[in-house]
């Protein structure tokens, strides 16, 4: 069962992390007004890599030398950055900031399913299975059931985001199986190094040299999503993980969409359909069932 007691400091970190990640969807969409989606990802991983290695050097953390470890970093970079960042950035060209954030919450659902298939200790309990089922219903409603019968660019964009969440979930299991013995900062820096090695030539081949002559607005967006919502967010993520456990990190998943929705409406004048809000509400119930939080609350009410 998830420990629902969260220290006050962890609540501050959870809120800050939700703000950082919630704002990243708007920042990425802003950069996409001037640069290609692959270039946006290349910028993100490049500058985040430099910052994290600077922190690793400052802290004098040990740097792995084994080719096997660096191969694991490369795979992790592809699963956790190259594939999902690229798919979601492409998807954001056709769908709203807030809807992208809502669909991004499917990461937690895939994570439970993949962990259950990979690790014997992660059995799919009745409550988790029910949560997964309800969560998928919520995602389907958020996408819009009509989009499953007639495909267009908007439908494909939403499916690209969902595919990105599946890659995120695979990355979580890969990290647990192959990178758990490394300090979190080193693992994050190594992962982003692998991402950069892939993204720079890929973006160059498809979209040309990485653009540097950009407007101040675009550079501000890149700085935000590369340094704040990637480099700083990873540091916060691991601090929360150590303070309160993996289960409580699901709360961030629920806190991100409202922030992204508000920012999208305020800055870009976006509006979402009612089914997007209904889908998110159902998805939220599924997520709370998966980590045992909702069941814990219901049991407390029943015993009063």
C-alpha atoms as a PDB file:
ATOM      1  CA  UNK A   1       0.000   0.000   0.000  1.00  0.00           C
ATOM      2  CA  UNK A   2       1.235   3.507  -0.739  1.00  0.00           C
ATOM      3  CA  UNK A   3       2.338   5.602   2.200  1.00  0.00           C
ATOM      4  CA  UNK A   4       0.039   8.614   2.080  1.00  0.00           C
ATOM      5  CA  UNK A   5       1.993  10.560   4.720  1.00  0.00           C
ATOM      6  CA  UNK A   6       4.064  13.073   2.786  1.00  0.00           C
ATOM      7  CA  UNK A   7       6.515  15.402   4.570  1.00  0.00           C
ATOM      8  CA  UNK A   8       5.886  19.133   4.155  1.00  0.00           C
ATOM      9  CA  UNK A   9       9.218  19.561   2.320  1.00  0.00           C
ATOM     10  CA  UNK A  10       8.203  16.828  -0.131  1.00  0.00           C
ATOM     11  CA  UNK A  11       4.902  18.628  -0.813  1.00  0.00           C
ATOM     12  CA  UNK A  12       6.879  21.745  -1.740  1.00  0.00           C
ATOM     13  CA  UNK A  13       9.089  19.675  -4.053  1.00  0.00           C
ATOM     14  CA  UNK A  14       6.068  17.907  -5.575  1.00  0.00           C
ATOM     15  CA  UNK A  15       4.393  21.226  -6.310  1.00  0.00           C
ATOM     16  CA  UNK A  16       7.561  22.703  -7.806  1.00  0.00           C
ATOM     17  CA  UNK A  17       8.122  19.620  -9.952  1.00  0.00           C
ATOM     18  CA  UNK A  18       4.519  19.760 -11.192  1.00  0.00           C
ATOM     19  CA  UNK A  19       4.979  23.438 -12.075  1.00  0.00           C
ATOM     20  CA  UNK A  20       8.244  22.729 -13.909  1.00  0.00           C
ATOM     21  CA  UNK A  21       6.821  19.824 -15.913  1.00  0.00           C
ATOM     22  CA  UNK A  22       3.439  21.486 -16.418  1.00  0.00           C
ATOM     23  CA  UNK A  23       5.164  24.530 -17.888  1.00  0.00           C
ATOM     24  CA  UNK A  24       7.340  22.413 -20.163  1.00  0.00           C
ATOM     25  CA  UNK A  25       4.439  21.623 -22.502  1.00  0.00           C
ATOM     26  CA  UNK A  26       3.835  25.328 -23.148  1.00  0.00           C
ATOM     27  CA  UNK A  27       7.568  26.035 -23.514  1.00  0.00           C
ATOM     28  CA  UNK A  28       8.003  23.250 -26.056  1.00  0.00           C
ATOM     29  CA  UNK A  29       4.984  24.424 -28.041  1.00  0.00           C
ATOM     30  CA  UNK A  30       6.369  27.956 -28.023  1.00  0.00           C
ATOM     31  CA  UNK A  31       9.731  26.800 -29.407  1.00  0.00           C
ATOM     32  CA  UNK A  32       7.946  24.816 -32.113  1.00  0.00           C
ATOM     33  CA  UNK A  33       6.645  28.091 -33.549  1.00  0.00           C
ATOM     34  CA  UNK A  34      10.196  28.734 -34.823  1.00  0.00           C
ATOM     35  CA  UNK A  35      12.148  25.446 -34.913  1.00  0.00           C
ATOM     36  CA  UNK A  36      11.490  21.879 -36.002  1.00  0.00           C
ATOM     37  CA  UNK A  37      10.361  19.257 -33.513  1.00  0.00           C
ATOM     38  CA  UNK A  38      13.608  17.270 -33.747  1.00  0.00           C
ATOM     39  CA  UNK A  39      15.679  20.426 -33.257  1.00  0.00           C
ATOM     40  CA  UNK A  40      13.589  21.262 -30.203  1.00  0.00           C
ATOM     41  CA  UNK A  41      14.475  17.896 -28.688  1.00  0.00           C
ATOM     42  CA  UNK A  42      18.155  18.232 -29.627  1.00  0.00           C
ATOM     43  CA  UNK A  43      18.310  21.581 -27.845  1.00  0.00           C
ATOM     44  CA  UNK A  44      16.604  20.082 -24.805  1.00  0.00           C
ATOM     45  CA  UNK A  45      18.951  17.151 -24.294  1.00  0.00           C
ATOM     46  CA  UNK A  46      22.143  19.012 -25.267  1.00  0.00           C
ATOM     47  CA  UNK A  47      21.883  21.846 -22.738  1.00  0.00           C
ATOM     48  CA  UNK A  48      20.485  19.598 -19.997  1.00  0.00           C
ATOM     49  CA  UNK A  49      23.444  17.228 -20.500  1.00  0.00           C
ATOM     50  CA  UNK A  50      25.969  20.034 -20.084  1.00  0.00           C
ATOM     51  CA  UNK A  51      24.326  21.287 -16.889  1.00  0.00           C
ATOM     52  CA  UNK A  52      24.043  17.846 -15.291  1.00  0.00           C
ATOM     53  CA  UNK A  53      27.663  16.922 -16.055  1.00  0.00           C
ATOM     54  CA  UNK A  54      28.745  20.235 -14.523  1.00  0.00           C
ATOM     55  CA  UNK A  55      26.872  19.252 -11.338  1.00  0.00           C
ATOM     56  CA  UNK A  56      28.391  15.755 -11.402  1.00  0.00           C
ATOM     57  CA  UNK A  57      31.868  17.304 -11.727  1.00  0.00           C
ATOM     58  CA  UNK A  58      31.172  19.791  -8.912  1.00  0.00           C
ATOM     59  CA  UNK A  59      30.003  16.991  -6.601  1.00  0.00           C
ATOM     60  CA  UNK A  60      32.968  14.819  -7.649  1.00  0.00           C
ATOM     61  CA  UNK A  61      30.724  11.832  -8.307  1.00  0.00           C
ATOM     62  CA  UNK A  62      32.294   8.728  -9.880  1.00  0.00           C
ATOM     63  CA  UNK A  63      31.852   8.463 -13.652  1.00  0.00           C
ATOM     64  CA  UNK A  64      31.342   4.933 -15.077  1.00  0.00           C
ATOM     65  CA  UNK A  65      33.915   3.683 -17.566  1.00  0.00           C
ATOM     66  CA  UNK A  66      32.400   0.354 -18.572  1.00  0.00           C
ATOM     67  CA  UNK A  67      31.167   0.170 -22.199  1.00  0.00           C
ATOM     68  CA  UNK A  68      28.283  -1.965 -20.949  1.00  0.00           C
ATOM     69  CA  UNK A  69      27.139   0.811 -18.625  1.00  0.00           C
ATOM     70  CA  UNK A  70      27.364   3.415 -21.382  1.00  0.00           C
ATOM     71  CA  UNK A  71      25.401   1.094 -23.653  1.00  0.00           C
ATOM     72  CA  UNK A  72      22.702   0.976 -20.973  1.00  0.00           C
ATOM     73  CA  UNK A  73      22.772   4.780 -20.788  1.00  0.00           C
ATOM     74  CA  UNK A  74      22.315   4.938 -24.560  1.00  0.00           C
ATOM     75  CA  UNK A  75      19.282   2.639 -24.474  1.00  0.00           C
ATOM     76  CA  UNK A  76      17.853   4.616 -21.578  1.00  0.00           C
ATOM     77  CA  UNK A  77      18.382   7.849 -23.475  1.00  0.00           C
ATOM     78  CA  UNK A  78      16.464   6.498 -26.457  1.00  0.00           C
ATOM     79  CA  UNK A  79      13.602   5.132 -24.350  1.00  0.00           C
ATOM     80  CA  UNK A  80      13.266   8.062 -21.944  1.00  0.00           C
ATOM     81  CA  UNK A  81      14.211  11.011 -24.150  1.00  0.00           C
ATOM     82  CA  UNK A  82      14.739  10.481 -27.875  1.00  0.00           C
ATOM     83  CA  UNK A  83      11.554   8.528 -28.615  1.00  0.00           C
ATOM     84  CA  UNK A  84       9.029  10.146 -26.237  1.00  0.00           C
ATOM     85  CA  UNK A  85      10.361  13.708 -26.551  1.00  0.00           C
ATOM     86  CA  UNK A  86      10.268  13.470 -30.355  1.00  0.00           C
ATOM     87  CA  UNK A  87       6.828  11.858 -30.547  1.00  0.00           C
ATOM     88  CA  UNK A  88       5.305  14.334 -28.112  1.00  0.00           C
ATOM     89  CA  UNK A  89       6.908  17.365 -29.731  1.00  0.00           C
ATOM     90  CA  UNK A  90       5.551  16.234 -33.101  1.00  0.00           C
ATOM     91  CA  UNK A  91       2.154  15.619 -31.526  1.00  0.00           C
ATOM     92  CA  UNK A  92       2.096  19.108 -30.025  1.00  0.00           C
ATOM     93  CA  UNK A  93       2.143  20.582 -33.510  1.00  0.00           C
ATOM     94  CA  UNK A  94      -1.469  19.416 -33.889  1.00  0.00           C
ATOM     95  CA  UNK A  95      -3.006  19.187 -30.409  1.00  0.00           C
ATOM     96  CA  UNK A  96      -3.362  21.503 -27.435  1.00  0.00           C
ATOM     97  CA  UNK A  97      -0.836  21.929 -24.631  1.00  0.00           C
ATOM     98  CA  UNK A  98      -3.345  20.798 -21.997  1.00  0.00           C
ATOM     99  CA  UNK A  99      -4.464  17.713 -23.915  1.00  0.00           C
ATOM    100  CA  UNK A 100      -0.840  16.642 -24.360  1.00  0.00           C
ATOM    101  CA  UNK A 101      -0.368  16.857 -20.595  1.00  0.00           C
ATOM    102  CA  UNK A 102      -3.520  14.827 -19.958  1.00  0.00           C
ATOM    103  CA  UNK A 103      -2.452  12.066 -22.337  1.00  0.00           C
ATOM    104  CA  UNK A 104       1.027  12.133 -20.821  1.00  0.00           C
ATOM    105  CA  UNK A 105      -0.511  10.824 -17.599  1.00  0.00           C
ATOM    106  CA  UNK A 106      -0.934   7.450 -19.327  1.00  0.00           C
ATOM    107  CA  UNK A 107       2.754   6.881 -18.529  1.00  0.00           C
ATOM    108  CA  UNK A 108       1.791   5.646 -15.074  1.00  0.00           C
ATOM    109  CA  UNK A 109      -0.680   3.120 -16.495  1.00  0.00           C
ATOM    110  CA  UNK A 110       1.842   1.623 -18.907  1.00  0.00           C
ATOM    111  CA  UNK A 111       4.434   1.653 -16.131  1.00  0.00           C
ATOM    112  CA  UNK A 112       2.332  -0.616 -13.929  1.00  0.00           C
ATOM    113  CA  UNK A 113       1.616  -3.041 -16.774  1.00  0.00           C
ATOM    114  CA  UNK A 114       5.225  -3.289 -17.976  1.00  0.00           C
ATOM    115  CA  UNK A 115       6.611  -3.633 -14.451  1.00  0.00           C
ATOM    116  CA  UNK A 116       4.146  -6.481 -13.836  1.00  0.00           C
ATOM    117  CA  UNK A 117       5.414  -8.257 -16.963  1.00  0.00           C
ATOM    118  CA  UNK A 118       9.114  -7.709 -16.231  1.00  0.00           C
ATOM    119  CA  UNK A 119       9.462  -7.992 -12.442  1.00  0.00           C
ATOM    120  CA  UNK A 120       8.094 -10.879 -10.391  1.00  0.00           C
ATOM    121  CA  UNK A 121       7.736  -8.573  -7.375  1.00  0.00           C
ATOM    122  CA  UNK A 122       5.337  -6.271  -9.238  1.00  0.00           C
ATOM    123  CA  UNK A 123       2.274  -8.468  -9.445  1.00  0.00           C
ATOM    124  CA  UNK A 124      -0.868  -6.941 -10.887  1.00  0.00           C
ATOM    125  CA  UNK A 125      -3.243  -6.920  -7.905  1.00  0.00           C
ATOM    126  CA  UNK A 126      -7.001  -6.589  -8.245  1.00  0.00           C
ATOM    127  CA  UNK A 127      -6.918  -2.885  -7.337  1.00  0.00           C
ATOM    128  CA  UNK A 128      -4.086  -2.205  -9.778  1.00  0.00           C
ATOM    129  CA  UNK A 129      -5.830  -4.107 -12.561  1.00  0.00           C
ATOM    130  CA  UNK A 130      -9.023  -2.134 -11.911  1.00  0.00           C
ATOM    131  CA  UNK A 131      -7.037   1.113 -11.843  1.00  0.00           C
ATOM    132  CA  UNK A 132      -5.348   0.275 -15.143  1.00  0.00           C
ATOM    133  CA  UNK A 133      -8.699  -0.520 -16.767  1.00  0.00           C
ATOM    134  CA  UNK A 134     -10.317   2.699 -15.527  1.00  0.00           C
ATOM    135  CA  UNK A 135      -7.224   4.656 -16.533  1.00  0.00           C
ATOM    136  CA  UNK A 136      -7.342   3.381 -20.095  1.00  0.00           C
ATOM    137  CA  UNK A 137     -11.051   4.245 -20.286  1.00  0.00           C
ATOM    138  CA  UNK A 138     -10.169   7.768 -19.182  1.00  0.00           C
ATOM    139  CA  UNK A 139      -7.470   8.060 -21.846  1.00  0.00           C
ATOM    140  CA  UNK A 140      -9.852   6.814 -24.544  1.00  0.00           C
ATOM    141  CA  UNK A 141     -12.487   9.354 -23.525  1.00  0.00           C
ATOM    142  CA  UNK A 142      -9.904  12.171 -23.438  1.00  0.00           C
ATOM    143  CA  UNK A 143      -8.803  11.292 -26.966  1.00  0.00           C
ATOM    144  CA  UNK A 144     -12.424  11.176 -28.100  1.00  0.00           C
ATOM    145  CA  UNK A 145     -14.033   7.920 -29.130  1.00  0.00           C
ATOM    146  CA  UNK A 146     -14.832   9.348 -32.564  1.00  0.00           C
ATOM    147  CA  UNK A 147     -11.096   9.616 -33.261  1.00  0.00           C
ATOM    148  CA  UNK A 148     -10.782   5.839 -33.200  1.00  0.00           C
ATOM    149  CA  UNK A 149     -13.059   5.475 -36.216  1.00  0.00           C
ATOM    150  CA  UNK A 150     -11.721   8.236 -38.468  1.00  0.00           C
ATOM    151  CA  UNK A 151      -7.998   8.999 -38.466  1.00  0.00           C
ATOM    152  CA  UNK A 152      -6.650  12.444 -39.292  1.00  0.00           C
ATOM    153  CA  UNK A 153      -3.538  14.384 -38.290  1.00  0.00           C
ATOM    154  CA  UNK A 154      -5.056  15.250 -34.907  1.00  0.00           C
ATOM    155  CA  UNK A 155      -5.827  11.595 -34.174  1.00  0.00           C
ATOM    156  CA  UNK A 156      -2.298  10.589 -35.173  1.00  0.00           C
ATOM    157  CA  UNK A 157      -0.856  13.330 -32.961  1.00  0.00           C
ATOM    158  CA  UNK A 158      -2.742  12.011 -29.941  1.00  0.00           C
ATOM    159  CA  UNK A 159      -1.619   8.454 -30.655  1.00  0.00           C
ATOM    160  CA  UNK A 160       1.970   9.708 -30.990  1.00  0.00           C
ATOM    161  CA  UNK A 161       1.750  11.151 -27.482  1.00  0.00           C
ATOM    162  CA  UNK A 162       0.359   7.856 -26.161  1.00  0.00           C
ATOM    163  CA  UNK A 163       3.203   5.985 -27.884  1.00  0.00           C
ATOM    164  CA  UNK A 164       5.610   8.351 -26.143  1.00  0.00           C
ATOM    165  CA  UNK A 165       4.126   7.441 -22.754  1.00  0.00           C
ATOM    166  CA  UNK A 166       4.658   3.755 -23.541  1.00  0.00           C
ATOM    167  CA  UNK A 167       8.327   4.498 -24.221  1.00  0.00           C
ATOM    168  CA  UNK A 168       8.573   6.372 -20.898  1.00  0.00           C
ATOM    169  CA  UNK A 169       7.164   3.335 -19.115  1.00  0.00           C
ATOM    170  CA  UNK A 170       9.652   0.997 -20.800  1.00  0.00           C
ATOM    171  CA  UNK A 171      12.414   3.350 -19.718  1.00  0.00           C
ATOM    172  CA  UNK A 172      11.321   3.062 -16.101  1.00  0.00           C
ATOM    173  CA  UNK A 173      11.657  -0.715 -16.103  1.00  0.00           C
ATOM    174  CA  UNK A 174      14.945  -0.530 -18.035  1.00  0.00           C
ATOM    175  CA  UNK A 175      16.399   1.880 -15.466  1.00  0.00           C
ATOM    176  CA  UNK A 176      15.300  -0.304 -12.580  1.00  0.00           C
ATOM    177  CA  UNK A 177      16.892  -3.378 -14.149  1.00  0.00           C
ATOM    178  CA  UNK A 178      20.132  -1.822 -15.397  1.00  0.00           C
ATOM    179  CA  UNK A 179      20.903   1.529 -13.769  1.00  0.00           C
ATOM    180  CA  UNK A 180      19.813   1.282 -10.127  1.00  0.00           C
ATOM    181  CA  UNK A 181      23.367   0.948  -8.781  1.00  0.00           C
ATOM    182  CA  UNK A 182      24.475   4.305 -10.175  1.00  0.00           C
ATOM    183  CA  UNK A 183      24.021   7.667  -8.414  1.00  0.00           C
ATOM    184  CA  UNK A 184      20.859   9.297  -9.807  1.00  0.00           C
ATOM    185  CA  UNK A 185      22.686  12.368 -11.112  1.00  0.00           C
ATOM    186  CA  UNK A 186      25.248  10.236 -12.928  1.00  0.00           C
ATOM    187  CA  UNK A 187      22.507   8.042 -14.402  1.00  0.00           C
ATOM    188  CA  UNK A 188      20.562  11.108 -15.577  1.00  0.00           C
ATOM    189  CA  UNK A 189      23.678  12.725 -17.078  1.00  0.00           C
ATOM    190  CA  UNK A 190      24.669   9.484 -18.798  1.00  0.00           C
ATOM    191  CA  UNK A 191      21.151   9.000 -20.147  1.00  0.00           C
ATOM    192  CA  UNK A 192      21.067  12.532 -21.543  1.00  0.00           C
ATOM    193  CA  UNK A 193      24.510  12.037 -23.058  1.00  0.00           C
ATOM    194  CA  UNK A 194      23.183   9.017 -24.931  1.00  0.00           C
ATOM    195  CA  UNK A 195      20.178  11.094 -26.021  1.00  0.00           C
ATOM    196  CA  UNK A 196      22.398  13.875 -27.311  1.00  0.00           C
ATOM    197  CA  UNK A 197      24.591  11.456 -29.276  1.00  0.00           C
ATOM    198  CA  UNK A 198      21.457  10.276 -31.098  1.00  0.00           C
ATOM    199  CA  UNK A 199      19.495  13.530 -31.397  1.00  0.00           C
ATOM    200  CA  UNK A 200      22.166  15.891 -32.744  1.00  0.00           C
ATOM    201  CA  UNK A 201      22.914  13.899 -35.928  1.00  0.00           C
ATOM    202  CA  UNK A 202      19.250  12.902 -36.330  1.00  0.00           C
ATOM    203  CA  UNK A 203      18.031  16.502 -36.154  1.00  0.00           C
ATOM    204  CA  UNK A 204      20.859  17.619 -38.469  1.00  0.00           C
ATOM    205  CA  UNK A 205      20.002  14.939 -41.054  1.00  0.00           C
ATOM    206  CA  UNK A 206      16.289  15.748 -41.092  1.00  0.00           C
ATOM    207  CA  UNK A 207      16.104  19.474 -40.319  1.00  0.00           C
ATOM    208  CA  UNK A 208      19.629  20.785 -40.920  1.00  0.00           C
ATOM    209  CA  UNK A 209      22.200  22.208 -38.474  1.00  0.00           C
ATOM    210  CA  UNK A 210      20.927  22.961 -34.985  1.00  0.00           C
ATOM    211  CA  UNK A 211      19.486  26.505 -35.234  1.00  0.00           C
ATOM    212  CA  UNK A 212      21.133  29.085 -32.984  1.00  0.00           C
ATOM    213  CA  UNK A 213      19.956  32.391 -34.504  1.00  0.00           C
ATOM    214  CA  UNK A 214      16.623  32.369 -32.712  1.00  0.00           C
ATOM    215  CA  UNK A 215      14.301  34.946 -31.206  1.00  0.00           C
ATOM    216  CA  UNK A 216      14.536  35.827 -27.528  1.00  0.00           C
ATOM    217  CA  UNK A 217      11.157  34.143 -26.957  1.00  0.00           C
ATOM    218  CA  UNK A 218      12.344  30.862 -28.437  1.00  0.00           C
ATOM    219  CA  UNK A 219      15.592  30.937 -26.465  1.00  0.00           C
ATOM    220  CA  UNK A 220      13.612  31.611 -23.293  1.00  0.00           C
ATOM    221  CA  UNK A 221      11.417  28.591 -24.057  1.00  0.00           C
ATOM    222  CA  UNK A 222      14.449  26.378 -24.768  1.00  0.00           C
ATOM    223  CA  UNK A 223      16.206  27.551 -21.613  1.00  0.00           C
ATOM    224  CA  UNK A 224      13.115  26.736 -19.586  1.00  0.00           C
ATOM    225  CA  UNK A 225      12.403  23.265 -20.914  1.00  0.00           C
ATOM    226  CA  UNK A 226      16.066  22.224 -21.144  1.00  0.00           C
ATOM    227  CA  UNK A 227      17.373  23.569 -17.850  1.00  0.00           C
ATOM    228  CA  UNK A 228      14.345  23.976 -15.589  1.00  0.00           C
ATOM    229  CA  UNK A 229      12.002  21.189 -16.691  1.00  0.00           C
ATOM    230  CA  UNK A 230      14.735  18.685 -17.588  1.00  0.00           C
ATOM    231  CA  UNK A 231      17.990  19.236 -15.638  1.00  0.00           C
ATOM    232  CA  UNK A 232      16.469  20.752 -12.480  1.00  0.00           C
ATOM    233  CA  UNK A 233      13.398  18.525 -12.675  1.00  0.00           C
ATOM    234  CA  UNK A 234      15.528  15.370 -12.599  1.00  0.00           C
ATOM    235  CA  UNK A 235      17.242  16.584  -9.425  1.00  0.00           C
ATOM    236  CA  UNK A 236      13.873  17.282  -7.799  1.00  0.00           C
ATOM    237  CA  UNK A 237      12.464  13.968  -9.017  1.00  0.00           C
ATOM    238  CA  UNK A 238      15.148  11.918  -7.309  1.00  0.00           C
ATOM    239  CA  UNK A 239      14.942  13.982  -4.131  1.00  0.00           C
ATOM    240  CA  UNK A 240      11.190  13.337  -3.923  1.00  0.00           C
ATOM    241  CA  UNK A 241      11.755   9.656  -4.667  1.00  0.00           C
ATOM    242  CA  UNK A 242      14.175   9.390  -1.738  1.00  0.00           C
ATOM    243  CA  UNK A 243      11.915  11.364   0.623  1.00  0.00           C
ATOM    244  CA  UNK A 244       8.509   9.862  -0.044  1.00  0.00           C
ATOM    245  CA  UNK A 245       8.733   6.844  -2.385  1.00  0.00           C
ATOM    246  CA  UNK A 246       7.712   6.072  -5.946  1.00  0.00           C
ATOM    247  CA  UNK A 247       3.987   5.804  -5.217  1.00  0.00           C
ATOM    248  CA  UNK A 248       3.609   9.416  -4.155  1.00  0.00           C
ATOM    249  CA  UNK A 249       5.267  10.558  -7.371  1.00  0.00           C
ATOM    250  CA  UNK A 250       1.982   9.631  -9.077  1.00  0.00           C
ATOM    251  CA  UNK A 251       0.600  12.798  -7.524  1.00  0.00           C
ATOM    252  CA  UNK A 252       2.811  14.800  -9.880  1.00  0.00           C
ATOM    253  CA  UNK A 253       1.097  13.061 -12.793  1.00  0.00           C
ATOM    254  CA  UNK A 254      -2.237  14.371 -11.520  1.00  0.00           C
ATOM    255  CA  UNK A 255      -0.941  17.874 -10.756  1.00  0.00           C
ATOM    256  CA  UNK A 256       0.647  18.512 -14.176  1.00  0.00           C
ATOM    257  CA  UNK A 257      -2.436  18.634 -16.486  1.00  0.00           C
ATOM    258  CA  UNK A 258      -4.308  21.436 -14.659  1.00  0.00           C
ATOM    259  CA  UNK A 259      -1.158  23.575 -14.797  1.00  0.00           C
ATOM    260  CA  UNK A 260      -0.638  22.877 -18.506  1.00  0.00           C
ATOM    261  CA  UNK A 261      -4.327  23.500 -19.260  1.00  0.00           C
ATOM    262  CA  UNK A 262      -4.281  26.873 -17.497  1.00  0.00           C
ATOM    263  CA  UNK A 263      -1.052  27.943 -19.207  1.00  0.00           C
ATOM    264  CA  UNK A 264      -2.318  26.848 -22.618  1.00  0.00           C
ATOM    265  CA  UNK A 265      -5.537  28.815 -22.138  1.00  0.00           C
ATOM    266  CA  UNK A 266      -3.794  31.898 -20.735  1.00  0.00           C
ATOM    267  CA  UNK A 267      -0.898  32.174 -23.177  1.00  0.00           C
ATOM    268  CA  UNK A 268      -2.223  30.571 -26.374  1.00  0.00           C
ATOM    269  CA  UNK A 269      -5.976  30.922 -25.917  1.00  0.00           C
ATOM    270  CA  UNK A 270      -6.531  27.158 -26.113  1.00  0.00           C
ATOM    271  CA  UNK A 271      -9.780  25.464 -25.136  1.00  0.00           C
ATOM    272  CA  UNK A 272     -10.371  21.773 -24.584  1.00  0.00           C
ATOM    273  CA  UNK A 273     -13.495  19.761 -25.274  1.00  0.00           C
ATOM    274  CA  UNK A 274     -15.588  18.517 -22.325  1.00  0.00           C
ATOM    275  CA  UNK A 275     -14.537  14.917 -23.040  1.00  0.00           C
ATOM    276  CA  UNK A 276     -10.900  15.889 -22.317  1.00  0.00           C
ATOM    277  CA  UNK A 277     -11.823  17.011 -18.800  1.00  0.00           C
ATOM    278  CA  UNK A 278     -14.064  13.995 -18.236  1.00  0.00           C
ATOM    279  CA  UNK A 279     -11.333  11.672 -19.465  1.00  0.00           C
ATOM    280  CA  UNK A 280      -8.779  13.236 -17.126  1.00  0.00           C
ATOM    281  CA  UNK A 281     -11.141  12.889 -14.148  1.00  0.00           C
ATOM    282  CA  UNK A 282     -11.646   9.179 -14.888  1.00  0.00           C
ATOM    283  CA  UNK A 283      -7.921   8.718 -15.477  1.00  0.00           C
ATOM    284  CA  UNK A 284      -7.201  10.351 -12.107  1.00  0.00           C
ATOM    285  CA  UNK A 285      -9.475   7.826 -10.366  1.00  0.00           C
ATOM    286  CA  UNK A 286      -7.615   5.007 -12.108  1.00  0.00           C
ATOM    287  CA  UNK A 287      -4.225   6.335 -11.026  1.00  0.00           C
ATOM    288  CA  UNK A 288      -5.331   6.687  -7.412  1.00  0.00           C
ATOM    289  CA  UNK A 289      -6.660   3.127  -7.445  1.00  0.00           C
ATOM    290  CA  UNK A 290      -3.397   1.813  -8.884  1.00  0.00           C
ATOM    291  CA  UNK A 291      -1.231   3.088  -6.061  1.00  0.00           C
ATOM    292  CA  UNK A 292      -3.735   2.151  -3.346  1.00  0.00           C
ATOM    293  CA  UNK A 293      -4.422   5.724  -2.218  1.00  0.00           C
ATOM    294  CA  UNK A 294      -8.134   5.755  -3.043  1.00  0.00           C
ATOM    295  CA  UNK A 295      -8.694   2.324  -1.512  1.00  0.00           C
ATOM    296  CA  UNK A 296      -6.932   3.475   1.664  1.00  0.00           C
ATOM    297  CA  UNK A 297      -9.242   6.488   1.953  1.00  0.00           C
ATOM    298  CA  UNK A 298     -12.367   4.416   1.308  1.00  0.00           C
ATOM    299  CA  UNK A 299     -11.349   1.876   3.942  1.00  0.00           C
ATOM    300  CA  UNK A 300     -10.852   4.631   6.512  1.00  0.00           C
ATOM    301  CA  UNK A 301     -14.318   6.019   5.740  1.00  0.00           C
ATOM    302  CA  UNK A 302     -15.889   2.551   5.991  1.00  0.00           C
ATOM    303  CA  UNK A 303     -14.375   1.885   9.432  1.00  0.00           C
ATOM    304  CA  UNK A 304     -15.643   5.125  10.983  1.00  0.00           C
END
